[in-house]
């Protein structure tokens, strides 16, 4: 494991907290760095809303995000079990978990994942969510990776709870509710931007995120501007690299498949 990257990650998470504490960006930093640091293919994060129901708030890839949504829609999977028990849940080979999570195990394998490790976001008896680690190959997760993953989840938990203590006693619930609303807005903006620029969903998200960081704006505010047209495509792409713009333009100019003539 890269010790320098690990220390840089904790510094970045701290910097994200200080700079206005943008919850969505903070949690995406967590999932992105988890994948970079650990021997995992993807990571997803669920947080409980004020009613105690889990919601997807961050994921390192679109495949992981969709699989997390699948867990919630089917009320089945390791992240749900982890959240409810407040304990880590592991599956070294999802092919052998058909009885425990029949629908989830099948969906995870179809998405290209063969093993999963869920880690609780908890402080003492309070559990506010869970961090899911996915891997494309079967096998037991390395103990050191699990410890680091739990440490990252703990840092995120403490950060969220600390923010609540700095504000009103119910600030965490308000913050989580705002994050959940922001997530909906961001997903809508991703779809609109992807369609207009010919990008995939991950590229559209990266474009908005880069723009938000370069202009010191909140990610949700940028997404809102995209939806209502107050932020132009030119304004978003102005900070992107020439290489990214060329890829987007080439993708946009490719002919889209239409109805095929009959025999």
C-alpha atoms as a PDB file:
ATOM      1  CA  UNK A   1       0.000   0.000   0.000  1.00  0.00           C
ATOM      2  CA  UNK A   2       1.246   3.488  -0.895  1.00  0.00           C
ATOM      3  CA  UNK A   3       1.914   5.194   2.438  1.00  0.00           C
ATOM      4  CA  UNK A   4       2.214   8.621   0.820  1.00  0.00           C
ATOM      5  CA  UNK A   5      -1.152   8.215  -0.910  1.00  0.00           C
ATOM      6  CA  UNK A   6      -2.713   7.105   2.366  1.00  0.00           C
ATOM      7  CA  UNK A   7      -1.469  10.184   4.221  1.00  0.00           C
ATOM      8  CA  UNK A   8      -2.467  12.420   1.303  1.00  0.00           C
ATOM      9  CA  UNK A   9      -5.958  10.923   1.421  1.00  0.00           C
ATOM     10  CA  UNK A  10      -6.476  11.867   5.047  1.00  0.00           C
ATOM     11  CA  UNK A  11      -5.176  15.365   4.291  1.00  0.00           C
ATOM     12  CA  UNK A  12      -7.544  15.653   1.317  1.00  0.00           C
ATOM     13  CA  UNK A  13     -10.496  14.507   3.384  1.00  0.00           C
ATOM     14  CA  UNK A  14      -9.622  17.104   6.010  1.00  0.00           C
ATOM     15  CA  UNK A  15      -9.260  19.817   3.370  1.00  0.00           C
ATOM     16  CA  UNK A  16     -12.639  18.891   1.947  1.00  0.00           C
ATOM     17  CA  UNK A  17     -14.206  19.287   5.384  1.00  0.00           C
ATOM     18  CA  UNK A  18     -12.660  22.695   5.949  1.00  0.00           C
ATOM     19  CA  UNK A  19     -13.628  24.047   2.525  1.00  0.00           C
ATOM     20  CA  UNK A  20     -17.328  24.449   3.241  1.00  0.00           C
ATOM     21  CA  UNK A  21     -17.892  20.768   3.960  1.00  0.00           C
ATOM     22  CA  UNK A  22     -19.557  19.781   0.689  1.00  0.00           C
ATOM     23  CA  UNK A  23     -20.988  16.422   1.781  1.00  0.00           C
ATOM     24  CA  UNK A  24     -21.344  14.940  -1.699  1.00  0.00           C
ATOM     25  CA  UNK A  25     -17.796  15.831  -2.730  1.00  0.00           C
ATOM     26  CA  UNK A  26     -16.444  14.672   0.633  1.00  0.00           C
ATOM     27  CA  UNK A  27     -18.026  11.239   0.249  1.00  0.00           C
ATOM     28  CA  UNK A  28     -16.917  10.900  -3.372  1.00  0.00           C
ATOM     29  CA  UNK A  29     -13.350  11.615  -2.265  1.00  0.00           C
ATOM     30  CA  UNK A  30     -13.793   8.780   0.216  1.00  0.00           C
ATOM     31  CA  UNK A  31     -14.985   6.230  -2.378  1.00  0.00           C
ATOM     32  CA  UNK A  32     -12.447   7.288  -5.013  1.00  0.00           C
ATOM     33  CA  UNK A  33      -9.481   7.124  -2.659  1.00  0.00           C
ATOM     34  CA  UNK A  34     -10.674   3.812  -1.217  1.00  0.00           C
ATOM     35  CA  UNK A  35     -10.361   2.251  -4.666  1.00  0.00           C
ATOM     36  CA  UNK A  36      -6.942   3.811  -5.222  1.00  0.00           C
ATOM     37  CA  UNK A  37      -5.590   2.676  -1.852  1.00  0.00           C
ATOM     38  CA  UNK A  38      -7.037  -0.820  -1.527  1.00  0.00           C
ATOM     39  CA  UNK A  39      -7.086  -3.963  -3.619  1.00  0.00           C
ATOM     40  CA  UNK A  40     -10.686  -3.365  -4.715  1.00  0.00           C
ATOM     41  CA  UNK A  41     -12.399  -2.683  -8.034  1.00  0.00           C
ATOM     42  CA  UNK A  42     -15.083  -0.281  -6.804  1.00  0.00           C
ATOM     43  CA  UNK A  43     -16.618   1.249  -3.706  1.00  0.00           C
ATOM     44  CA  UNK A  44     -20.088   2.472  -2.819  1.00  0.00           C
ATOM     45  CA  UNK A  45     -21.465   4.331   0.175  1.00  0.00           C
ATOM     46  CA  UNK A  46     -24.934   4.327   1.709  1.00  0.00           C
ATOM     47  CA  UNK A  47     -26.169   6.742   4.385  1.00  0.00           C
ATOM     48  CA  UNK A  48     -29.359   6.632   6.435  1.00  0.00           C
ATOM     49  CA  UNK A  49     -31.876   9.426   5.944  1.00  0.00           C
ATOM     50  CA  UNK A  50     -33.747  11.017   8.894  1.00  0.00           C
ATOM     51  CA  UNK A  51     -36.202   8.093   8.896  1.00  0.00           C
ATOM     52  CA  UNK A  52     -33.387   5.552   9.104  1.00  0.00           C
ATOM     53  CA  UNK A  53     -33.742   4.382   5.500  1.00  0.00           C
ATOM     54  CA  UNK A  54     -30.569   3.875   3.496  1.00  0.00           C
ATOM     55  CA  UNK A  55     -29.841   5.943   0.396  1.00  0.00           C
ATOM     56  CA  UNK A  56     -26.996   5.798  -2.133  1.00  0.00           C
ATOM     57  CA  UNK A  57     -24.876   8.947  -1.743  1.00  0.00           C
ATOM     58  CA  UNK A  58     -21.563   8.095  -3.450  1.00  0.00           C
ATOM     59  CA  UNK A  59     -19.915   5.443  -5.609  1.00  0.00           C
ATOM     60  CA  UNK A  60     -16.601   5.157  -7.415  1.00  0.00           C
ATOM     61  CA  UNK A  61     -18.222   3.832 -10.603  1.00  0.00           C
ATOM     62  CA  UNK A  62     -21.608   3.699 -12.284  1.00  0.00           C
ATOM     63  CA  UNK A  63     -21.662  -0.108 -11.939  1.00  0.00           C
ATOM     64  CA  UNK A  64     -21.199   0.176  -8.178  1.00  0.00           C
ATOM     65  CA  UNK A  65     -23.884   2.873  -7.911  1.00  0.00           C
ATOM     66  CA  UNK A  66     -26.418   0.765  -9.792  1.00  0.00           C
ATOM     67  CA  UNK A  67     -25.605  -2.293  -7.689  1.00  0.00           C
ATOM     68  CA  UNK A  68     -26.087  -0.294  -4.493  1.00  0.00           C
ATOM     69  CA  UNK A  69     -29.470   0.861  -5.796  1.00  0.00           C
ATOM     70  CA  UNK A  70     -30.314  -2.756  -6.581  1.00  0.00           C
ATOM     71  CA  UNK A  71     -29.637  -3.697  -2.953  1.00  0.00           C
ATOM     72  CA  UNK A  72     -32.028  -1.049  -1.711  1.00  0.00           C
ATOM     73  CA  UNK A  73     -34.745  -1.838  -4.235  1.00  0.00           C
ATOM     74  CA  UNK A  74     -34.628  -5.538  -3.374  1.00  0.00           C
ATOM     75  CA  UNK A  75     -33.991  -5.075   0.372  1.00  0.00           C
ATOM     76  CA  UNK A  76     -31.164  -7.578   0.150  1.00  0.00           C
ATOM     77  CA  UNK A  77     -27.386  -7.466   0.258  1.00  0.00           C
ATOM     78  CA  UNK A  78     -24.274  -7.172   2.419  1.00  0.00           C
ATOM     79  CA  UNK A  79     -24.472  -3.399   2.889  1.00  0.00           C
ATOM     80  CA  UNK A  80     -27.981  -3.648   4.334  1.00  0.00           C
ATOM     81  CA  UNK A  81     -26.938  -6.491   6.659  1.00  0.00           C
ATOM     82  CA  UNK A  82     -23.872  -4.492   7.710  1.00  0.00           C
ATOM     83  CA  UNK A  83     -25.914  -1.386   8.492  1.00  0.00           C
ATOM     84  CA  UNK A  84     -28.561  -3.281  10.443  1.00  0.00           C
ATOM     85  CA  UNK A  85     -26.088  -5.285  12.518  1.00  0.00           C
ATOM     86  CA  UNK A  86     -23.452  -2.550  12.828  1.00  0.00           C
ATOM     87  CA  UNK A  87     -20.811  -5.164  11.984  1.00  0.00           C
ATOM     88  CA  UNK A  88     -18.616  -5.906   8.944  1.00  0.00           C
ATOM     89  CA  UNK A  89     -20.086  -8.367   6.442  1.00  0.00           C
ATOM     90  CA  UNK A  90     -17.883 -10.261   3.990  1.00  0.00           C
ATOM     91  CA  UNK A  91     -18.420 -12.545   1.016  1.00  0.00           C
ATOM     92  CA  UNK A  92     -15.219 -13.911  -0.515  1.00  0.00           C
ATOM     93  CA  UNK A  93     -17.080 -15.622  -3.370  1.00  0.00           C
ATOM     94  CA  UNK A  94     -20.503 -14.355  -4.403  1.00  0.00           C
ATOM     95  CA  UNK A  95     -21.017 -17.478  -6.458  1.00  0.00           C
ATOM     96  CA  UNK A  96     -21.415 -19.302  -3.131  1.00  0.00           C
ATOM     97  CA  UNK A  97     -23.859 -16.758  -1.658  1.00  0.00           C
ATOM     98  CA  UNK A  98     -26.962 -17.651  -3.656  1.00  0.00           C
ATOM     99  CA  UNK A  99     -28.825 -18.751  -0.526  1.00  0.00           C
ATOM    100  CA  UNK A 100     -27.888 -15.711   1.567  1.00  0.00           C
ATOM    101  CA  UNK A 101     -28.551 -13.043  -1.115  1.00  0.00           C
ATOM    102  CA  UNK A 102     -30.034 -14.788  -4.168  1.00  0.00           C
ATOM    103  CA  UNK A 103     -30.956 -11.661  -6.145  1.00  0.00           C
ATOM    104  CA  UNK A 104     -27.987  -9.558  -5.066  1.00  0.00           C
ATOM    105  CA  UNK A 105     -25.393 -12.285  -5.704  1.00  0.00           C
ATOM    106  CA  UNK A 106     -26.656 -12.758  -9.239  1.00  0.00           C
ATOM    107  CA  UNK A 107     -26.822  -9.018  -9.971  1.00  0.00           C
ATOM    108  CA  UNK A 108     -23.328  -8.426  -8.566  1.00  0.00           C
ATOM    109  CA  UNK A 109     -21.821 -11.121 -10.763  1.00  0.00           C
ATOM    110  CA  UNK A 110     -23.589  -9.731 -13.814  1.00  0.00           C
ATOM    111  CA  UNK A 111     -22.062  -6.343 -12.964  1.00  0.00           C
ATOM    112  CA  UNK A 112     -18.594  -7.944 -12.908  1.00  0.00           C
ATOM    113  CA  UNK A 113     -18.060  -8.297  -9.158  1.00  0.00           C
ATOM    114  CA  UNK A 114     -17.104 -11.581  -7.501  1.00  0.00           C
ATOM    115  CA  UNK A 115     -16.437 -10.582  -3.870  1.00  0.00           C
ATOM    116  CA  UNK A 116     -17.665  -7.918  -1.462  1.00  0.00           C
ATOM    117  CA  UNK A 117     -16.760  -6.475   1.943  1.00  0.00           C
ATOM    118  CA  UNK A 118     -19.208  -4.158   3.735  1.00  0.00           C
ATOM    119  CA  UNK A 119     -17.944  -1.921   6.539  1.00  0.00           C
ATOM    120  CA  UNK A 120     -20.174  -0.031   9.002  1.00  0.00           C
ATOM    121  CA  UNK A 121     -20.035   3.725   9.421  1.00  0.00           C
ATOM    122  CA  UNK A 122     -20.471   3.834  13.167  1.00  0.00           C
ATOM    123  CA  UNK A 123     -19.454   5.606  16.317  1.00  0.00           C
ATOM    124  CA  UNK A 124     -20.067   3.459  19.380  1.00  0.00           C
ATOM    125  CA  UNK A 125     -23.701   2.361  19.078  1.00  0.00           C
ATOM    126  CA  UNK A 126     -24.686   4.886  16.417  1.00  0.00           C
ATOM    127  CA  UNK A 127     -24.625   3.525  12.848  1.00  0.00           C
ATOM    128  CA  UNK A 128     -25.254   6.070  10.099  1.00  0.00           C
ATOM    129  CA  UNK A 129     -24.394   4.059   6.984  1.00  0.00           C
ATOM    130  CA  UNK A 130     -22.073   1.539   5.377  1.00  0.00           C
ATOM    131  CA  UNK A 131     -19.144   1.473   2.964  1.00  0.00           C
ATOM    132  CA  UNK A 132     -19.149  -1.333   0.381  1.00  0.00           C
ATOM    133  CA  UNK A 133     -15.951  -2.630  -1.210  1.00  0.00           C
ATOM    134  CA  UNK A 134     -16.295  -4.651  -4.427  1.00  0.00           C
ATOM    135  CA  UNK A 135     -13.699  -6.779  -6.175  1.00  0.00           C
ATOM    136  CA  UNK A 136     -13.794  -8.383  -9.616  1.00  0.00           C
ATOM    137  CA  UNK A 137     -12.016 -11.551  -8.481  1.00  0.00           C
ATOM    138  CA  UNK A 138     -13.069 -13.944  -5.701  1.00  0.00           C
ATOM    139  CA  UNK A 139     -11.033 -14.364  -2.538  1.00  0.00           C
ATOM    140  CA  UNK A 140     -10.778 -13.181   1.048  1.00  0.00           C
ATOM    141  CA  UNK A 141     -10.055  -9.479   1.469  1.00  0.00           C
ATOM    142  CA  UNK A 142      -6.631  -8.654   2.858  1.00  0.00           C
ATOM    143  CA  UNK A 143      -6.818  -7.876   6.580  1.00  0.00           C
ATOM    144  CA  UNK A 144      -4.726  -4.742   6.192  1.00  0.00           C
ATOM    145  CA  UNK A 145      -7.062  -3.494   3.466  1.00  0.00           C
ATOM    146  CA  UNK A 146     -10.081  -4.135   5.664  1.00  0.00           C
ATOM    147  CA  UNK A 147      -8.484  -2.208   8.549  1.00  0.00           C
ATOM    148  CA  UNK A 148      -7.683   0.756   6.324  1.00  0.00           C
ATOM    149  CA  UNK A 149     -11.154   0.658   4.773  1.00  0.00           C
ATOM    150  CA  UNK A 150     -12.732   0.676   8.228  1.00  0.00           C
ATOM    151  CA  UNK A 151     -10.474   3.540   9.276  1.00  0.00           C
ATOM    152  CA  UNK A 152     -11.615   5.592   6.280  1.00  0.00           C
ATOM    153  CA  UNK A 153     -15.254   4.809   7.075  1.00  0.00           C
ATOM    154  CA  UNK A 154     -14.636   5.831  10.699  1.00  0.00           C
ATOM    155  CA  UNK A 155     -13.057   9.130   9.639  1.00  0.00           C
ATOM    156  CA  UNK A 156     -16.081   9.915   7.481  1.00  0.00           C
ATOM    157  CA  UNK A 157     -18.446   9.017  10.315  1.00  0.00           C
ATOM    158  CA  UNK A 158     -16.619  11.175  12.850  1.00  0.00           C
ATOM    159  CA  UNK A 159     -16.502  14.048  10.368  1.00  0.00           C
ATOM    160  CA  UNK A 160     -20.264  13.942   9.806  1.00  0.00           C
ATOM    161  CA  UNK A 161     -21.042  13.638  13.499  1.00  0.00           C
ATOM    162  CA  UNK A 162     -18.567  16.385  14.354  1.00  0.00           C
ATOM    163  CA  UNK A 163     -20.306  18.676  11.894  1.00  0.00           C
ATOM    164  CA  UNK A 164     -23.569  18.021  13.695  1.00  0.00           C
ATOM    165  CA  UNK A 165     -22.039  18.869  17.078  1.00  0.00           C
ATOM    166  CA  UNK A 166     -20.808  22.170  15.634  1.00  0.00           C
ATOM    167  CA  UNK A 167     -24.333  23.109  14.609  1.00  0.00           C
ATOM    168  CA  UNK A 168     -27.792  22.311  15.865  1.00  0.00           C
ATOM    169  CA  UNK A 169     -28.486  18.913  17.410  1.00  0.00           C
ATOM    170  CA  UNK A 170     -30.420  17.790  14.329  1.00  0.00           C
ATOM    171  CA  UNK A 171     -27.927  19.190  11.810  1.00  0.00           C
ATOM    172  CA  UNK A 172     -26.803  15.738  10.723  1.00  0.00           C
ATOM    173  CA  UNK A 173     -30.315  14.771   9.660  1.00  0.00           C
ATOM    174  CA  UNK A 174     -30.701  18.048   7.812  1.00  0.00           C
ATOM    175  CA  UNK A 175     -27.309  17.600   6.195  1.00  0.00           C
ATOM    176  CA  UNK A 176     -28.041  14.056   5.099  1.00  0.00           C
ATOM    177  CA  UNK A 177     -31.423  15.128   3.732  1.00  0.00           C
ATOM    178  CA  UNK A 178     -29.719  17.892   1.778  1.00  0.00           C
ATOM    179  CA  UNK A 179     -27.152  15.412   0.478  1.00  0.00           C
ATOM    180  CA  UNK A 180     -29.899  13.050  -0.667  1.00  0.00           C
ATOM    181  CA  UNK A 181     -31.713  15.869  -2.466  1.00  0.00           C
ATOM    182  CA  UNK A 182     -28.433  16.999  -4.022  1.00  0.00           C
ATOM    183  CA  UNK A 183     -27.816  13.471  -5.247  1.00  0.00           C
ATOM    184  CA  UNK A 184     -31.092  13.521  -7.191  1.00  0.00           C
ATOM    185  CA  UNK A 185     -30.226  16.876  -8.770  1.00  0.00           C
ATOM    186  CA  UNK A 186     -26.725  15.671  -9.676  1.00  0.00           C
ATOM    187  CA  UNK A 187     -28.081  12.516 -11.340  1.00  0.00           C
ATOM    188  CA  UNK A 188     -30.474  14.609 -13.439  1.00  0.00           C
ATOM    189  CA  UNK A 189     -27.675  16.974 -14.459  1.00  0.00           C
ATOM    190  CA  UNK A 190     -25.384  14.052 -15.332  1.00  0.00           C
ATOM    191  CA  UNK A 191     -27.995  12.680 -17.704  1.00  0.00           C
ATOM    192  CA  UNK A 192     -28.594  16.051 -19.359  1.00  0.00           C
ATOM    193  CA  UNK A 193     -24.892  16.774 -19.749  1.00  0.00           C
ATOM    194  CA  UNK A 194     -24.103  13.279 -21.012  1.00  0.00           C
ATOM    195  CA  UNK A 195     -26.776  13.600 -23.695  1.00  0.00           C
ATOM    196  CA  UNK A 196     -25.672  17.074 -24.809  1.00  0.00           C
ATOM    197  CA  UNK A 197     -21.946  16.287 -24.974  1.00  0.00           C
ATOM    198  CA  UNK A 198     -22.075  12.634 -25.978  1.00  0.00           C
ATOM    199  CA  UNK A 199     -20.352  11.504 -22.766  1.00  0.00           C
ATOM    200  CA  UNK A 200     -20.964   8.570 -20.492  1.00  0.00           C
ATOM    201  CA  UNK A 201     -22.370   9.205 -17.008  1.00  0.00           C
ATOM    202  CA  UNK A 202     -18.980   8.991 -15.276  1.00  0.00           C
ATOM    203  CA  UNK A 203     -17.436  11.542 -17.672  1.00  0.00           C
ATOM    204  CA  UNK A 204     -20.373  13.900 -17.192  1.00  0.00           C
ATOM    205  CA  UNK A 205     -19.977  13.720 -13.412  1.00  0.00           C
ATOM    206  CA  UNK A 206     -16.215  14.352 -13.644  1.00  0.00           C
ATOM    207  CA  UNK A 207     -16.829  17.388 -15.830  1.00  0.00           C
ATOM    208  CA  UNK A 208     -19.217  18.944 -13.301  1.00  0.00           C
ATOM    209  CA  UNK A 209     -16.958  18.060 -10.396  1.00  0.00           C
ATOM    210  CA  UNK A 210     -13.876  19.595 -12.069  1.00  0.00           C
ATOM    211  CA  UNK A 211     -15.862  22.744 -12.815  1.00  0.00           C
ATOM    212  CA  UNK A 212     -17.114  22.996  -9.225  1.00  0.00           C
ATOM    213  CA  UNK A 213     -13.627  22.631  -7.798  1.00  0.00           C
ATOM    214  CA  UNK A 214     -12.024  25.054 -10.250  1.00  0.00           C
ATOM    215  CA  UNK A 215     -14.618  27.732  -9.497  1.00  0.00           C
ATOM    216  CA  UNK A 216     -14.910  26.939  -5.758  1.00  0.00           C
ATOM    217  CA  UNK A 217     -18.597  26.110  -6.185  1.00  0.00           C
ATOM    218  CA  UNK A 218     -20.748  23.444  -4.580  1.00  0.00           C
ATOM    219  CA  UNK A 219     -21.276  20.437  -6.800  1.00  0.00           C
ATOM    220  CA  UNK A 220     -25.049  20.532  -6.266  1.00  0.00           C
ATOM    221  CA  UNK A 221     -25.144  24.212  -7.316  1.00  0.00           C
ATOM    222  CA  UNK A 222     -23.343  23.416 -10.571  1.00  0.00           C
ATOM    223  CA  UNK A 223     -25.772  20.568 -11.226  1.00  0.00           C
ATOM    224  CA  UNK A 224     -28.716  22.883 -10.566  1.00  0.00           C
ATOM    225  CA  UNK A 225     -27.297  25.365 -13.060  1.00  0.00           C
ATOM    226  CA  UNK A 226     -26.936  22.657 -15.695  1.00  0.00           C
ATOM    227  CA  UNK A 227     -30.546  21.550 -15.246  1.00  0.00           C
ATOM    228  CA  UNK A 228     -31.992  25.063 -15.530  1.00  0.00           C
ATOM    229  CA  UNK A 229     -29.639  26.185 -18.278  1.00  0.00           C
ATOM    230  CA  UNK A 230     -27.917  28.979 -16.380  1.00  0.00           C
ATOM    231  CA  UNK A 231     -24.577  27.173 -16.774  1.00  0.00           C
ATOM    232  CA  UNK A 232     -23.585  26.762 -20.421  1.00  0.00           C
ATOM    233  CA  UNK A 233     -21.750  23.786 -21.864  1.00  0.00           C
ATOM    234  CA  UNK A 234     -19.000  26.190 -22.940  1.00  0.00           C
ATOM    235  CA  UNK A 235     -18.580  27.330 -19.360  1.00  0.00           C
ATOM    236  CA  UNK A 236     -18.292  23.754 -18.124  1.00  0.00           C
ATOM    237  CA  UNK A 237     -15.824  22.606 -20.756  1.00  0.00           C
ATOM    238  CA  UNK A 238     -13.611  25.683 -20.483  1.00  0.00           C
ATOM    239  CA  UNK A 239     -11.636  24.128 -17.617  1.00  0.00           C
ATOM    240  CA  UNK A 240     -11.387  20.679 -19.165  1.00  0.00           C
ATOM    241  CA  UNK A 241      -8.234  19.375 -20.724  1.00  0.00           C
ATOM    242  CA  UNK A 242      -7.916  19.543 -24.533  1.00  0.00           C
ATOM    243  CA  UNK A 243      -7.636  15.760 -24.593  1.00  0.00           C
ATOM    244  CA  UNK A 244     -10.947  15.328 -22.723  1.00  0.00           C
ATOM    245  CA  UNK A 245     -12.657  17.843 -25.009  1.00  0.00           C
ATOM    246  CA  UNK A 246     -11.380  16.048 -28.103  1.00  0.00           C
ATOM    247  CA  UNK A 247     -12.696  12.726 -26.798  1.00  0.00           C
ATOM    248  CA  UNK A 248     -16.059  14.259 -26.007  1.00  0.00           C
ATOM    249  CA  UNK A 249     -16.288  15.937 -29.416  1.00  0.00           C
ATOM    250  CA  UNK A 250     -15.329  12.729 -31.232  1.00  0.00           C
ATOM    251  CA  UNK A 251     -17.944  10.800 -29.274  1.00  0.00           C
ATOM    252  CA  UNK A 252     -20.579  13.456 -29.961  1.00  0.00           C
ATOM    253  CA  UNK A 253     -19.871  13.421 -33.712  1.00  0.00           C
ATOM    254  CA  UNK A 254     -20.112   9.656 -34.050  1.00  0.00           C
ATOM    255  CA  UNK A 255     -23.362   8.636 -35.749  1.00  0.00           C
ATOM    256  CA  UNK A 256     -25.894   7.205 -33.340  1.00  0.00           C
ATOM    257  CA  UNK A 257     -27.379   3.822 -34.239  1.00  0.00           C
ATOM    258  CA  UNK A 258     -30.823   4.167 -35.795  1.00  0.00           C
ATOM    259  CA  UNK A 259     -33.524   1.719 -36.815  1.00  0.00           C
ATOM    260  CA  UNK A 260     -32.084  -1.053 -38.906  1.00  0.00           C
ATOM    261  CA  UNK A 261     -33.748  -1.834 -42.253  1.00  0.00           C
ATOM    262  CA  UNK A 262     -35.604  -5.071 -42.443  1.00  0.00           C
ATOM    263  CA  UNK A 263     -34.411  -7.993 -44.480  1.00  0.00           C
END
